[in-house]
Protein backbone atom coordinates (compact mmCIF):
# COMPACT_ATOMS: atom_id res chain seq x y z
CA MET A 1 105.83 119.26 90.42
CA ARG A 2 107.48 122.07 92.28
CA MET A 3 106.15 121.15 95.61
CA ARG A 4 107.23 117.48 95.04
CA LEU A 5 110.73 118.74 94.23
CA ASP A 6 110.68 121.09 96.95
CA ALA A 7 109.26 118.53 99.58
CA LEU A 8 112.48 116.16 98.50
CA HIS A 9 115.06 118.75 99.35
CA ARG A 10 113.29 120.01 101.76
CA TYR A 11 112.33 117.21 104.27
CA THR A 12 115.65 114.80 103.18
CA ALA A 13 118.58 115.29 104.88
CA ARG A 14 121.14 115.31 101.34
CA LEU A 15 118.88 116.15 97.94
CA PRO A 16 119.65 119.25 96.57
CA GLN A 17 117.48 121.95 95.47
CA VAL A 18 116.49 121.09 91.94
CA GLU A 19 114.50 123.61 89.31
CA VAL A 20 111.95 122.19 87.32
CA PRO A 21 113.32 121.92 83.14
CA ARG A 22 110.81 122.26 80.20
CA ASN A 23 112.76 120.01 78.24
CA ILE A 24 112.40 116.79 79.88
CA ASP A 25 114.00 113.45 78.44
CA TYR A 26 110.37 111.02 79.08
CA ASP A 27 112.21 108.49 76.78
CA THR A 28 113.63 107.37 79.85
CA PHE A 29 112.20 106.27 83.11
CA LEU A 30 115.29 106.31 85.66
CA GLY A 31 116.94 108.94 86.09
CA PHE A 32 121.03 109.31 85.12
CA ASP A 33 121.73 110.93 88.07
CA THR A 34 120.34 112.87 91.74
CA PRO A 35 118.48 115.63 89.71
CA SER A 36 117.10 113.64 86.66
CA ALA A 37 115.92 110.88 88.98
CA MET A 38 114.14 113.29 90.99
CA ILE A 39 112.46 115.06 88.45
CA LEU A 40 111.78 111.72 86.36
CA GLY A 41 110.52 110.42 90.02
CA ALA A 42 108.13 113.61 90.43
CA VAL A 43 106.72 113.31 87.09
CA TYR A 44 105.98 109.69 86.81
CA GLY A 45 104.78 110.07 90.43
CA ILE A 46 102.05 111.89 89.20
CA VAL A 47 101.21 109.91 86.20
CA GLY A 48 100.85 107.10 88.58
CA ALA A 49 98.63 108.52 90.96
CA LEU A 50 96.75 109.78 88.01
CA SER A 51 96.34 106.52 86.46
CA TYR A 52 95.55 104.88 89.53
CA TYR A 53 92.34 107.52 89.99
CA ARG A 54 91.37 107.10 86.74
CA ALA A 55 91.12 103.39 86.75
CA ASN A 56 89.25 103.34 89.96
CA LEU A 57 86.57 105.90 88.35
CA PRO A 58 83.09 104.87 87.13
CA GLU A 59 83.30 104.52 82.90
CA GLY A 60 82.88 107.04 80.77
CA THR A 61 84.77 109.74 83.65
CA HIS A 62 85.99 113.38 81.82
CA THR A 63 89.06 114.26 82.86
CA VAL A 64 90.35 117.76 82.88
CA LEU A 65 94.37 118.27 83.67
CA THR A 66 94.85 121.92 84.77
CA GLY A 67 98.22 123.62 85.96
CA GLY A 68 101.48 124.63 84.06
CA TRP A 69 102.07 120.91 84.09
CA ALA A 70 98.84 119.87 82.66
CA GLY A 71 100.30 119.62 78.81
CA GLU A 72 103.74 117.76 79.69
CA ILE A 73 101.72 115.14 81.46
CA SER A 74 99.14 114.96 78.96
CA LYS A 75 101.76 113.58 76.86
CA LEU A 76 102.46 110.07 79.35
CA ILE A 77 99.33 109.16 80.54
CA ASP A 78 97.70 106.03 79.05
CA PHE A 79 93.75 107.60 79.18
CA GLU A 80 92.58 110.39 77.08
CA ALA A 81 92.48 113.66 78.96
CA THR A 82 91.30 117.56 78.02
CA VAL A 83 94.09 119.87 78.79
CA ASP A 84 92.88 123.35 80.09
CA PRO A 85 96.36 125.09 82.06
CA GLU A 86 93.89 128.22 82.93
CA LEU A 87 91.19 126.36 84.50
CA VAL A 88 91.25 127.96 87.98
CA SER A 89 92.07 131.31 86.19
CA ARG A 90 88.99 131.34 83.93
CA GLY A 91 86.46 129.97 86.79
CA LEU A 92 88.09 133.04 89.53
CA ASN A 93 87.17 135.13 86.49
CA ARG A 94 83.87 133.90 85.76
CA ILE A 95 83.19 133.65 89.57
CA ILE A 96 83.95 137.99 89.84
CA THR A 97 81.99 138.56 86.86
CA TYR A 98 78.70 136.76 88.25
CA ASN A 99 79.51 138.66 91.52
CA GLU A 100 79.85 142.38 89.39
CA HIS A 101 76.18 141.77 87.99
CA LYS A 102 74.44 140.26 90.73
């Protein structure tokens, strides 16, 4: 989310820097002003990309969403996914633990 919004601001002439709120109204698909349109565009861009890739994966593929926005995004996708916002941290910890006991 943050990278998408930063890129919109940084690589366009007039789009503002938008902070990512945690209380987004997902009942509307289109924004009512520039910041809300940017935020909803970023959110639904992620949802669309996930849906596209999921539709092209073999049936039975297990999907895991990770990161700070995983819980929010999981509410908007139309397929089942496991939410694990700490997956990367737990994986890095496992690597450290493994290497300590070598």
